[in-house]
Amino acid sequence: MPKPFFTHRASRILCLLLVLLTTPAQAETVASQLPDIGAAGYSALSPREEEQLGREFMRNIRHNLNLLDDPLATTYLQGLADKLLSQVNEATQKITIFIVDDPSINAFAGPGGYIGVHTGLILASRSEAELASVVAHEIAHVEQRHLVRAFEAGNRMSLPTMGALIAAIILGASNPEISEAVLTSALAGSAQQQLSYSRAHEQEADRIGLDLLVHAGYNPRSMVDFFEKLQEKQRLIGAAAPEFLRTHPLTLSRVADARNRAAQYSPPSTEDNSTFRLFQARIAVYADNAEEFALFDDQDEQTEAGRYYRALNAAKNERYDEARILLRKLIASDRNRMMFYADAAQLELDSKNLPQAQKILMEALNNFPGNALLIELYAQTLLRQNQVPQAFEILKEALRAYPQQYRLYPLYAKAAARHGRQDEAYRALGELQYALGSLHQAVTYLEQAVAETADSSYERLSLIARLKTMKQQLLEQAKSKENDQQHDELVPPRQTTRPLTGEDLFSR
């Protein structure tokens, strides 16, 4: 059961925020100045500044939250978000979804198009449409720039400080101790403006989200179902409102408005939740505290999702023979599920059966050419069998076609180093650090890449141009910080695994 929000520590945070926030009247003035959808393109922040703000926000999120690093689950959720975003006319933001490993029912939108979804929300959803209704609501907040516009009204803080403060308030909804720690490091000399969503913002996000939901082919009633579930949960646990309600105030009029709007649409004739249930099975196996939802019975073999849950659970507990049999049956029953191949190959990698892993992945890539996750697993298999040139070429080609597949960069760096291409190794690490928001580290790696590249070569000229762009961004960042005299590295990114070193890269 969630803990009451207004603990003593949380109250201290709230008092600190209230001192620094604008008055309610000022907040309503800010809210009234926010335009409707379609007119939300203007922003005091440039696209590059908003992108940087998003990276700073994510640095704080990675440092303070436990993120579920599961590419299959993230790919599914990203696909759902992309499907909804495709219904936005002239979308102004790219949406990037990440999964927070937390059993609470919550989701939130940060600056730069980043949307976090808690595992608790995923497991509590009864259909893909219900989950999509929440994601659609958050996309509406992003497209309207509700959060960033309210926050930038003061326009007196550096982007790193803004990113840290936005993260602090979002984090404070579920973990006041974390929020206070981030605020302590971020508030030195800064004035904070109003951030919380107003009722008008929430109803606007409901309206826009409902339209996205319907045009993407989902049941409009699912949004109302989710609201009613939250209301029932709040009624049962009293004052300790579900986390989603703390940052998204839910009123009776808001629920009634959503219900009336949903009634104006016809629901789809059919709903296919088979992929959604497989997605839930992954979350139920790999998320912390998922057992409290009790979605899957270990003995359930009547559904595809039940069998998949059993296979993943067996593999997680190193019952490889049991998992192998179940996954082979799943592949035989449906060869259009890429995830079955990926899990079967990962099982063989974990059990050190490399030739079998390679065989599965070759078949999978024939069925799903260009799939980034399969390429990653195939390259891992090749490297572990010392087939370095093949791994290097496969990864190089993949990144040429899909440069935004950042999961491939660490593997490519290692393959390049072992292949004698230190320049490519350093460049890959630089691009990875840039994506993670560590500009200083990115510049350092690119400088090392330039030093390893032959004079007057095309690669050197390309690296120098890229390095110039990053240094210019560093300069802009430094100028932005002069207002609050904050150091660049407010909160160091948390390393969930040991960072790569030169010894890792340049040795077998």
Protein backbone atom coordinates (compact mmCIF):
# COMPACT_ATOMS: atom_id res chain seq x y z
CA MET A 1 0.00 0.00 0.00
CA PRO A 2 1.46 3.42 -0.93
CA LYS A 3 2.68 5.58 1.91
CA PRO A 4 0.85 8.84 2.70
CA PHE A 5 2.32 11.64 0.65
CA PHE A 6 2.37 14.36 3.26
CA THR A 7 5.07 12.97 5.50
CA HIS A 8 7.11 15.37 7.62
CA ARG A 9 9.91 15.38 5.03
CA ALA A 10 7.48 15.88 2.17
CA SER A 11 5.94 18.81 4.01
CA ARG A 12 9.38 20.40 4.30
CA ILE A 13 9.81 20.10 0.56
CA LEU A 14 6.38 21.55 -0.06
CA CYS A 15 7.11 24.51 2.22
CA LEU A 16 10.39 25.10 0.42
CA LEU A 17 8.63 25.08 -2.93
CA LEU A 18 5.82 27.37 -1.79
CA VAL A 19 8.31 29.98 -0.65
CA LEU A 20 9.94 29.96 -4.07
CA LEU A 21 6.87 29.52 -6.24
CA THR A 22 4.83 32.31 -7.72
CA THR A 23 1.55 33.13 -6.05
CA PRO A 24 -1.60 31.25 -7.10
CA ALA A 25 -2.81 34.34 -8.94
CA GLN A 26 0.44 34.53 -10.89
CA ALA A 27 0.22 30.84 -11.63
CA GLU A 28 -3.27 31.22 -13.08
CA THR A 29 -2.00 34.13 -15.19
CA VAL A 30 0.75 31.91 -16.57
CA ALA A 31 -1.75 29.14 -17.23
CA SER A 32 -4.13 31.47 -19.04
CA GLN A 33 -1.35 32.51 -21.40
CA LEU A 34 -0.76 28.96 -22.61
CA PRO A 35 -2.18 28.45 -26.12
CA ASP A 36 -4.38 25.62 -27.38
CA ILE A 37 -3.05 22.72 -29.41
CA GLY A 38 -1.86 23.82 -32.81
CA ALA A 39 -0.66 27.15 -31.47
CA ALA A 40 1.87 25.74 -29.03
CA GLY A 41 4.86 26.10 -31.32
CA TYR A 42 6.19 29.29 -29.79
CA SER A 43 8.56 28.96 -26.87
CA ALA A 44 11.12 31.23 -25.29
CA LEU A 45 13.42 28.22 -25.39
CA SER A 46 14.94 27.36 -28.74
CA PRO A 47 14.61 23.75 -29.96
CA ARG A 48 18.27 23.17 -29.05
CA GLU A 49 17.76 24.62 -25.56
CA GLU A 50 14.69 22.48 -24.99
CA GLU A 51 16.64 19.42 -26.14
CA GLN A 52 19.42 20.29 -23.70
CA LEU A 53 16.87 20.84 -20.93
CA GLY A 54 15.51 17.37 -21.63
CA ARG A 55 19.00 15.84 -21.37
CA GLU A 56 19.63 17.62 -18.06
CA PHE A 57 16.26 16.39 -16.79
CA MET A 58 17.09 12.81 -17.79
CA ARG A 59 20.49 12.96 -16.06
CA ASN A 60 18.68 13.62 -12.80
CA ILE A 61 16.08 10.94 -13.51
CA ARG A 62 18.77 8.32 -14.22
CA HIS A 63 20.61 9.29 -11.06
CA ASN A 64 17.58 9.07 -8.79
CA LEU A 65 15.19 6.51 -10.24
CA ASN A 66 15.52 2.82 -10.95
CA LEU A 67 14.88 2.51 -14.69
CA LEU A 68 13.98 -0.81 -16.28
CA ASP A 69 16.57 -1.37 -18.99
CA ASP A 70 14.70 -3.88 -21.10
CA PRO A 71 14.90 -3.08 -24.83
CA LEU A 72 11.99 -5.34 -25.79
CA ALA A 73 9.63 -3.74 -23.29
CA THR A 74 10.81 -0.23 -24.13
CA THR A 75 10.44 -0.89 -27.87
CA TYR A 76 6.83 -1.98 -27.37
CA LEU A 77 5.99 1.10 -25.31
CA GLN A 78 7.82 3.41 -27.72
CA GLY A 79 5.83 1.92 -30.59
CA LEU A 80 2.60 2.63 -28.73
CA ALA A 81 3.67 6.24 -28.18
CA ASP A 82 4.72 6.65 -31.83
CA LYS A 83 1.32 5.34 -32.94
CA LEU A 84 -0.41 7.99 -30.85
CA LEU A 85 2.00 10.75 -31.87
CA SER A 86 1.34 10.00 -35.54
CA GLN A 87 -2.16 11.39 -34.97
CA VAL A 88 -0.79 14.83 -34.02
CA ASN A 89 -0.84 17.30 -36.89
CA GLU A 90 2.68 18.65 -37.31
CA ALA A 91 4.01 17.22 -34.06
CA THR A 92 6.57 19.57 -32.54
CA GLN A 93 8.35 17.08 -30.29
CA LYS A 94 9.90 13.68 -30.61
CA ILE A 95 8.62 11.44 -27.81
CA THR A 96 11.08 9.23 -25.92
CA ILE A 97 9.56 6.66 -23.56
CA PHE A 98 11.36 5.12 -20.60
CA ILE A 99 10.15 2.68 -17.96
CA VAL A 100 10.50 3.36 -14.23
CA ASP A 101 10.77 0.21 -12.12
CA ASP A 102 8.30 1.25 -9.43
CA PRO A 103 5.06 -0.52 -8.39
CA SER A 104 3.13 2.73 -7.96
CA ILE A 105 0.52 3.72 -10.53
CA ASN A 106 2.11 6.72 -12.18
CA ALA A 107 3.38 8.31 -15.38
CA PHE A 108 4.88 11.73 -16.06
CA ALA A 109 6.06 13.94 -18.90
CA GLY A 110 9.35 15.81 -18.67
CA PRO A 111 10.87 18.46 -20.94
CA GLY A 112 12.32 17.51 -24.30
CA GLY A 113 9.59 14.95 -24.99
CA TYR A 114 10.65 12.43 -22.32
CA ILE A 115 7.80 10.40 -20.82
CA GLY A 116 8.26 8.02 -17.90
CA VAL A 117 5.82 5.17 -17.24
CA HIS A 118 5.91 3.21 -13.97
CA THR A 119 5.80 -0.58 -14.04
CA GLY A 120 2.92 -0.38 -11.57
CA LEU A 121 0.81 1.48 -14.12
CA ILE A 122 1.64 -1.10 -16.79
CA LEU A 123 0.67 -4.01 -14.55
CA ALA A 124 -2.48 -2.28 -13.30
CA SER A 125 -3.77 -1.55 -16.82
CA ARG A 126 -6.46 -3.95 -17.98
CA SER A 127 -5.92 -3.36 -21.71
CA GLU A 128 -3.57 -1.71 -24.16
CA ALA A 129 -6.19 0.99 -24.67
CA GLU A 130 -6.16 1.85 -20.98
CA LEU A 131 -2.37 2.16 -20.98
CA ALA A 132 -2.53 4.13 -24.24
CA SER A 133 -4.98 6.59 -22.66
CA VAL A 134 -2.37 7.57 -20.08
CA VAL A 135 0.42 7.85 -22.66
CA ALA A 136 -1.87 9.95 -24.88
CA HIS A 137 -2.56 12.27 -21.94
CA GLU A 138 1.18 12.72 -21.34
CA ILE A 139 1.83 13.32 -25.05
CA ALA A 140 -0.76 16.09 -24.91
CA HIS A 141 1.12 17.73 -22.04
CA VAL A 142 4.32 17.52 -24.09
CA GLU A 143 2.77 18.94 -27.26
CA GLN A 144 1.19 21.78 -25.32
CA ARG A 145 4.50 22.36 -23.50
CA HIS A 146 2.48 22.86 -20.32
CA LEU A 147 5.36 22.03 -18.03
CA VAL A 148 8.16 23.89 -19.81
CA ARG A 149 6.08 27.01 -20.46
CA ALA A 150 5.01 27.35 -16.85
CA PHE A 151 8.57 26.85 -15.74
CA GLU A 152 10.26 29.17 -18.20
CA ALA A 153 7.97 32.08 -17.32
CA GLY A 154 10.57 33.45 -14.91
CA ASN A 155 13.38 32.83 -17.42
CA ARG A 156 16.03 33.37 -14.75
CA MET A 157 17.60 29.92 -14.38
CA SER A 158 20.18 27.99 -16.31
CA LEU A 159 19.00 24.92 -18.21
CA PRO A 160 20.79 22.46 -15.89
CA THR A 161 19.08 24.02 -12.87
CA MET A 162 15.71 23.98 -14.61
CA GLY A 163 16.20 20.32 -15.51
CA ALA A 164 17.15 19.45 -11.93
CA LEU A 165 14.19 21.31 -10.46
CA ILE A 166 11.66 19.77 -12.81
CA ALA A 167 13.05 16.34 -11.98
CA ALA A 168 12.93 17.15 -8.25
CA ILE A 169 9.24 18.00 -8.24
CA ILE A 170 8.29 14.97 -10.34
CA LEU A 171 10.39 12.75 -8.09
CA GLY A 172 8.84 14.31 -5.00
CA ALA A 173 5.42 12.92 -5.88
CA SER A 174 6.57 9.41 -4.98
CA ASN A 175 9.80 9.84 -3.00
CA PRO A 176 10.15 13.05 -0.97
CA GLU A 177 13.64 12.13 0.27
CA ILE A 178 14.99 11.97 -3.28
CA SER A 179 13.21 15.18 -4.18
CA GLU A 180 14.71 17.04 -1.23
CA ALA A 181 18.21 15.86 -2.13
CA VAL A 182 17.87 17.07 -5.72
CA LEU A 183 16.35 20.37 -4.62
CA THR A 184 19.17 20.96 -2.16
CA SER A 185 21.75 20.72 -4.95
CA ALA A 186 19.71 22.61 -7.51
CA LEU A 187 18.20 25.57 -5.67
CA ALA A 188 21.38 27.46 -4.72
CA GLY A 189 20.58 31.04 -5.67
CA SER A 190 17.75 30.13 -8.08
CA ALA A 191 14.15 31.34 -8.09
CA GLN A 192 11.57 28.69 -8.93
CA GLN A 193 8.43 29.37 -10.91
CA GLN A 194 5.08 27.56 -10.91
CA LEU A 195 5.28 24.00 -12.24
CA SER A 196 2.24 22.03 -11.20
CA TYR A 197 -0.37 21.41 -13.86
CA SER A 198 -3.51 23.51 -13.44
CA ARG A 199 -6.99 22.07 -13.76
CA ALA A 200 -7.29 23.78 -17.14
CA HIS A 201 -4.10 22.06 -18.30
CA GLU A 202 -5.39 18.68 -17.16
CA GLN A 203 -8.72 19.03 -18.93
CA GLU A 204 -6.95 20.22 -22.06
CA ALA A 205 -4.61 17.21 -21.94
CA ASP A 206 -7.65 14.95 -21.45
CA ARG A 207 -9.38 16.45 -24.48
CA ILE A 208 -6.34 16.24 -26.75
CA GLY A 209 -5.36 12.82 -25.43
CA LEU A 210 -8.86 11.48 -26.05
CA ASP A 211 -8.73 12.65 -29.66
CA LEU A 212 -5.34 10.99 -30.15
CA LEU A 213 -6.67 7.81 -28.58
CA VAL A 214 -9.70 7.61 -30.85
CA HIS A 215 -7.85 8.42 -34.07
CA ALA A 216 -5.22 5.79 -33.22
CA GLY A 217 -8.01 3.19 -33.09
CA TYR A 218 -8.44 2.74 -29.33
CA ASN A 219 -11.61 2.65 -27.26
CA PRO A 220 -12.31 6.18 -25.93
CA ARG A 221 -13.99 4.69 -22.86
CA SER A 222 -10.57 3.42 -21.69
CA MET A 223 -9.57 6.87 -20.45
CA VAL A 224 -12.71 7.10 -18.34
CA ASP A 225 -12.11 3.56 -17.06
CA PHE A 226 -8.65 4.59 -15.90
CA PHE A 227 -9.96 7.69 -14.12
CA GLU A 228 -12.63 5.66 -12.37
CA LYS A 229 -10.04 3.12 -11.26
CA LEU A 230 -7.96 5.90 -9.70
CA GLN A 231 -11.02 7.33 -7.96
CA GLU A 232 -11.85 3.91 -6.54
CA LYS A 233 -8.27 3.40 -5.38
CA GLN A 234 -8.27 6.79 -3.68
CA ARG A 235 -11.57 5.98 -1.97
CA LEU A 236 -10.20 2.70 -0.63
CA ILE A 237 -6.92 4.07 0.74
CA GLY A 238 -8.21 7.42 1.92
CA ALA A 239 -5.85 10.38 2.05
CA ALA A 240 -2.95 8.56 0.37
CA ALA A 241 -3.89 9.32 -3.22
CA PRO A 242 -2.37 7.28 -6.05
CA GLU A 243 0.83 8.91 -7.28
CA PHE A 244 -0.69 9.87 -10.62
CA LEU A 245 -3.26 12.05 -8.86
CA ARG A 246 -0.59 14.02 -7.01
CA THR A 247 0.78 15.52 -10.21
CA HIS A 248 -2.47 15.25 -12.23
CA PRO A 249 -5.32 16.59 -10.03
CA LEU A 250 -8.53 14.67 -10.75
CA THR A 251 -11.84 16.41 -10.11
CA LEU A 252 -15.42 15.21 -10.51
CA SER A 253 -15.97 17.72 -13.31
CA ARG A 254 -12.89 16.44 -15.11
CA VAL A 255 -14.14 12.84 -14.99
CA ALA A 256 -17.60 13.93 -16.11
CA ASP A 257 -16.13 15.92 -18.99
CA ALA A 258 -14.04 12.94 -20.13
CA ARG A 259 -17.08 10.65 -19.87
CA ASN A 260 -19.23 13.02 -21.96
CA ARG A 261 -16.56 13.39 -24.63
CA ALA A 262 -15.95 9.63 -24.80
CA ALA A 263 -19.67 9.05 -25.32
CA GLN A 264 -19.51 11.08 -28.54
CA TYR A 265 -17.23 8.47 -30.17
CA SER A 266 -18.02 4.96 -31.31
CA PRO A 267 -15.74 2.30 -29.80
CA PRO A 268 -13.75 0.05 -32.17
CA SER A 269 -15.40 -3.22 -33.15
CA THR A 270 -12.52 -5.36 -31.87
CA GLU A 271 -9.57 -5.02 -29.52
CA ASP A 272 -6.41 -7.12 -29.78
CA ASN A 273 -4.57 -7.28 -26.46
CA SER A 274 -2.34 -10.26 -27.24
CA THR A 275 0.86 -8.24 -27.67
CA PHE A 276 -0.01 -6.11 -24.66
CA ARG A 277 -0.38 -9.21 -22.51
CA LEU A 278 3.06 -10.47 -23.65
CA PHE A 279 4.44 -7.05 -22.71
CA GLN A 280 2.82 -7.33 -19.29
CA ALA A 281 4.35 -10.78 -18.87
CA ARG A 282 7.85 -9.32 -19.39
CA ILE A 283 7.18 -6.59 -16.84
CA ALA A 284 5.75 -9.13 -14.38
CA VAL A 285 8.99 -11.15 -14.58
CA TYR A 286 11.61 -8.40 -14.62
CA ALA A 287 10.09 -5.60 -12.51
CA ASP A 288 10.65 -5.32 -8.77
CA ASN A 289 7.63 -6.00 -6.54
CA ALA A 290 5.54 -7.18 -9.50
CA GLU A 291 4.23 -10.15 -7.52
CA GLU A 292 1.72 -7.94 -5.71
CA PHE A 293 -0.26 -7.67 -8.95
CA ALA A 294 -0.47 -11.48 -9.33
CA LEU A 295 -1.28 -11.30 -13.03
CA PHE A 296 0.15 -14.65 -14.13
CA ASP A 297 -0.13 -18.09 -12.60
CA ASP A 298 3.03 -20.21 -12.93
CA GLN A 299 0.85 -23.13 -13.93
CA ASP A 300 -1.11 -21.24 -16.58
CA GLU A 301 -0.48 -22.79 -20.00
CA GLN A 302 -3.82 -21.89 -21.54
CA THR A 303 -2.70 -18.55 -22.99
CA GLU A 304 0.29 -17.45 -25.02
CA ALA A 305 1.09 -14.79 -22.43
CA GLY A 306 0.93 -17.36 -19.63
CA ARG A 307 3.36 -19.67 -21.42
CA TYR A 308 5.63 -16.73 -22.18
CA TYR A 309 5.61 -15.70 -18.53
CA ARG A 310 6.62 -19.23 -17.52
CA ALA A 311 9.45 -19.29 -20.08
CA LEU A 312 10.87 -15.96 -18.95
CA ASN A 313 10.56 -16.87 -15.30
CA ALA A 314 12.37 -20.18 -15.88
CA ALA A 315 15.17 -18.43 -17.78
CA LYS A 316 15.51 -15.78 -15.07
CA ASN A 317 15.97 -18.54 -12.49
CA GLU A 318 18.44 -20.42 -14.72
CA ARG A 319 16.12 -23.33 -15.43
CA TYR A 320 17.43 -23.27 -18.96
CA ASP A 321 16.09 -26.62 -20.21
CA GLU A 322 12.54 -25.75 -19.15
CA ALA A 323 12.78 -22.28 -20.68
CA ARG A 324 14.29 -23.65 -23.90
CA ILE A 325 11.39 -26.06 -24.45
CA LEU A 326 8.77 -23.37 -23.79
CA LEU A 327 10.43 -20.82 -26.10
CA ARG A 328 10.79 -23.36 -28.91
CA LYS A 329 7.06 -24.09 -28.66
CA LEU A 330 6.26 -20.37 -28.71
CA ILE A 331 8.39 -19.80 -31.83
CA ALA A 332 6.79 -22.78 -33.55
CA SER A 333 3.31 -21.46 -32.79
CA ASP A 334 4.02 -17.89 -33.99
CA ARG A 335 7.09 -17.04 -36.04
CA ASN A 336 6.01 -13.41 -36.33
CA ARG A 337 6.95 -12.60 -32.73
CA MET A 338 10.44 -11.18 -32.80
CA MET A 339 10.60 -11.23 -29.00
CA PHE A 340 10.46 -15.03 -28.91
CA TYR A 341 13.59 -15.27 -31.08
CA ALA A 342 15.39 -12.61 -29.02
CA ASP A 343 14.62 -14.38 -25.76
CA ALA A 344 15.62 -17.77 -27.18
CA ALA A 345 18.95 -16.32 -28.34
CA GLN A 346 19.55 -14.58 -25.00
CA LEU A 347 18.88 -17.88 -23.26
CA GLU A 348 21.61 -19.58 -25.32
CA LEU A 349 24.01 -16.70 -24.63
CA ASP A 350 23.32 -16.96 -20.91
CA SER A 351 23.87 -20.72 -20.97
CA LYS A 352 27.05 -20.24 -23.06
CA ASN A 353 25.72 -22.18 -26.05
CA LEU A 354 27.11 -19.69 -28.58
CA PRO A 355 26.71 -21.68 -31.83
CA GLN A 356 23.02 -22.25 -31.07
CA ALA A 357 22.56 -18.56 -30.25
CA GLN A 358 24.14 -17.64 -33.59
CA LYS A 359 21.89 -20.10 -35.44
CA ILE A 360 18.73 -18.65 -33.84
CA LEU A 361 19.81 -15.08 -34.57
CA MET A 362 20.63 -15.77 -38.21
CA GLU A 363 17.12 -17.14 -38.69
CA ALA A 364 15.64 -14.22 -36.78
CA LEU A 365 17.51 -11.59 -38.80
CA ASN A 366 16.32 -13.28 -41.98
CA ASN A 367 12.74 -12.80 -40.73
CA PHE A 368 13.33 -9.35 -39.18
CA PRO A 369 16.17 -7.68 -41.14
CA GLY A 370 17.62 -4.54 -39.59
CA ASN A 371 16.14 -5.11 -36.13
CA ALA A 372 18.47 -3.30 -33.71
CA LEU A 373 18.02 -5.68 -30.78
CA LEU A 374 18.70 -8.77 -32.91
CA ILE A 375 21.77 -7.05 -34.37
CA GLU A 376 22.99 -6.27 -30.85
CA LEU A 377 22.58 -9.89 -29.76
CA TYR A 378 24.20 -11.18 -32.97
CA ALA A 379 27.20 -8.87 -32.55
CA GLN A 380 27.58 -9.99 -28.93
CA THR A 381 27.56 -13.60 -30.09
CA LEU A 382 30.20 -12.91 -32.76
CA LEU A 383 32.47 -11.04 -30.36
CA ARG A 384 32.26 -13.82 -27.78
CA GLN A 385 33.35 -16.23 -30.52
CA ASN A 386 36.19 -13.86 -31.48
CA GLN A 387 34.67 -13.07 -34.87
CA VAL A 388 35.65 -9.43 -34.48
CA PRO A 389 35.72 -8.18 -38.12
CA GLN A 390 32.21 -9.51 -38.78
CA ALA A 391 30.85 -7.91 -35.62
CA PHE A 392 32.53 -4.60 -36.44
CA GLU A 393 31.07 -4.43 -39.95
CA ILE A 394 27.58 -5.45 -38.87
CA LEU A 395 27.48 -2.81 -36.13
CA LYS A 396 28.98 -0.13 -38.36
CA GLU A 397 26.35 -0.74 -41.02
CA ALA A 398 23.56 -0.76 -38.44
CA LEU A 399 24.63 2.56 -36.94
CA ARG A 400 25.00 4.08 -40.38
CA ALA A 401 21.36 3.17 -41.04
CA TYR A 402 20.06 3.86 -37.52
CA PRO A 403 22.33 6.41 -35.77
CA GLN A 404 19.81 6.92 -32.94
CA GLN A 405 20.14 3.31 -31.74
CA TYR A 406 22.31 4.30 -28.79
CA ARG A 407 22.32 0.83 -27.24
CA LEU A 408 24.62 -0.26 -30.07
CA TYR A 409 27.32 2.34 -29.36
CA PRO A 410 29.08 0.65 -26.40
CA LEU A 411 29.19 -2.66 -28.28
CA TYR A 412 30.42 -0.94 -31.43
CA ALA A 413 33.13 0.83 -29.42
CA LYS A 414 34.39 -2.47 -28.09
CA ALA A 415 34.28 -4.12 -31.53
CA ALA A 416 36.10 -1.16 -33.10
CA ALA A 417 38.83 -1.20 -30.44
CA ARG A 418 39.42 -4.91 -30.86
CA HIS A 419 39.46 -4.39 -34.63
CA GLY A 420 42.21 -1.77 -34.32
CA ARG A 421 39.95 1.22 -34.99
CA GLN A 422 40.50 3.26 -31.85
CA ASP A 423 39.21 6.40 -33.59
CA GLU A 424 35.84 4.74 -34.18
CA ALA A 425 35.80 3.42 -30.62
CA TYR A 426 36.29 6.86 -29.11
CA ARG A 427 33.76 8.42 -31.47
CA ALA A 428 31.13 5.86 -30.51
CA LEU A 429 31.71 6.52 -26.81
CA GLY A 430 31.51 10.24 -27.45
CA GLU A 431 28.14 9.95 -29.18
CA LEU A 432 26.86 7.77 -26.36
CA GLN A 433 27.90 10.31 -23.71
CA TYR A 434 26.33 13.09 -25.76
CA ALA A 435 23.04 11.19 -25.84
CA LEU A 436 23.24 10.75 -22.06
CA GLY A 437 23.74 14.48 -21.55
CA SER A 438 27.42 14.36 -20.50
CA LEU A 439 28.78 17.02 -22.83
CA HIS A 440 32.20 17.32 -21.19
CA GLN A 441 32.83 13.60 -21.44
CA ALA A 442 31.55 13.54 -25.02
CA VAL A 443 33.99 16.29 -26.02
CA THR A 444 36.86 14.46 -24.32
CA TYR A 445 36.14 11.25 -26.24
CA LEU A 446 35.84 13.09 -29.56
CA GLU A 447 39.14 14.86 -28.97
CA GLN A 448 40.72 11.43 -28.44
CA ALA A 449 39.06 10.23 -31.65
CA VAL A 450 40.53 13.16 -33.61
CA ALA A 451 43.98 12.38 -32.21
CA GLU A 452 43.67 8.80 -33.49
CA THR A 453 42.58 9.83 -37.01
CA ALA A 454 44.86 10.39 -39.98
CA ASP A 455 45.45 14.00 -41.08
CA SER A 456 43.28 15.36 -43.92
CA SER A 457 41.07 12.27 -43.96
CA TYR A 458 37.32 12.53 -44.39
CA GLU A 459 36.82 10.91 -40.97
CA ARG A 460 39.01 13.55 -39.32
CA LEU A 461 37.14 16.43 -40.97
CA SER A 462 33.82 14.89 -39.95
CA LEU A 463 35.02 14.47 -36.36
CA ILE A 464 36.30 18.05 -36.19
CA ALA A 465 32.95 19.39 -37.39
CA ARG A 466 31.08 17.30 -34.82
CA LEU A 467 33.50 18.37 -32.09
CA LYS A 468 32.99 22.02 -33.01
CA THR A 469 29.23 21.62 -32.60
CA MET A 470 29.60 20.02 -29.17
CA LYS A 471 32.03 22.68 -27.97
CA GLN A 472 29.63 25.40 -29.09
CA GLN A 473 26.91 23.77 -27.02
CA LEU A 474 29.26 23.64 -24.04
CA LEU A 475 29.91 27.37 -24.46
CA GLU A 476 26.19 28.10 -24.59
CA GLN A 477 25.69 25.99 -21.51
CA ALA A 478 28.39 27.89 -19.63
CA LYS A 479 26.80 31.22 -20.54
CA SER A 480 23.42 29.95 -19.40
CA LYS A 481 24.86 29.13 -16.00
CA GLU A 482 26.24 32.58 -15.32
CA ASN A 483 22.85 33.67 -13.96
CA ASP A 484 22.89 31.23 -11.06
CA GLN A 485 26.62 30.40 -10.89
CA GLN A 486 25.88 26.68 -10.86
CA HIS A 487 28.61 24.19 -11.73
CA ASP A 488 27.98 22.16 -14.90
CA GLU A 489 27.77 18.80 -13.16
CA LEU A 490 24.92 19.43 -10.69
CA VAL A 491 24.11 15.76 -10.30
CA PRO A 492 26.51 13.15 -11.67
CA PRO A 493 24.82 10.39 -13.68
CA ARG A 494 24.41 7.15 -11.78
CA GLN A 495 26.44 4.28 -13.22
CA THR A 496 24.24 1.19 -13.16
CA THR A 497 27.18 -0.82 -14.45
CA ARG A 498 30.93 -0.32 -14.26
CA PRO A 499 31.91 2.28 -16.92
CA LEU A 500 33.99 1.17 -19.88
CA THR A 501 37.70 1.84 -19.52
CA GLY A 502 40.59 1.82 -21.93
CA GLU A 503 41.55 -1.62 -20.65
CA ASP A 504 38.05 -2.87 -21.46
CA LEU A 505 38.15 -1.46 -24.96
CA PHE A 506 41.65 -2.25 -26.08
CA SER A 507 42.01 -5.79 -24.82
CA ARG A 508 40.51 -9.12 -25.70
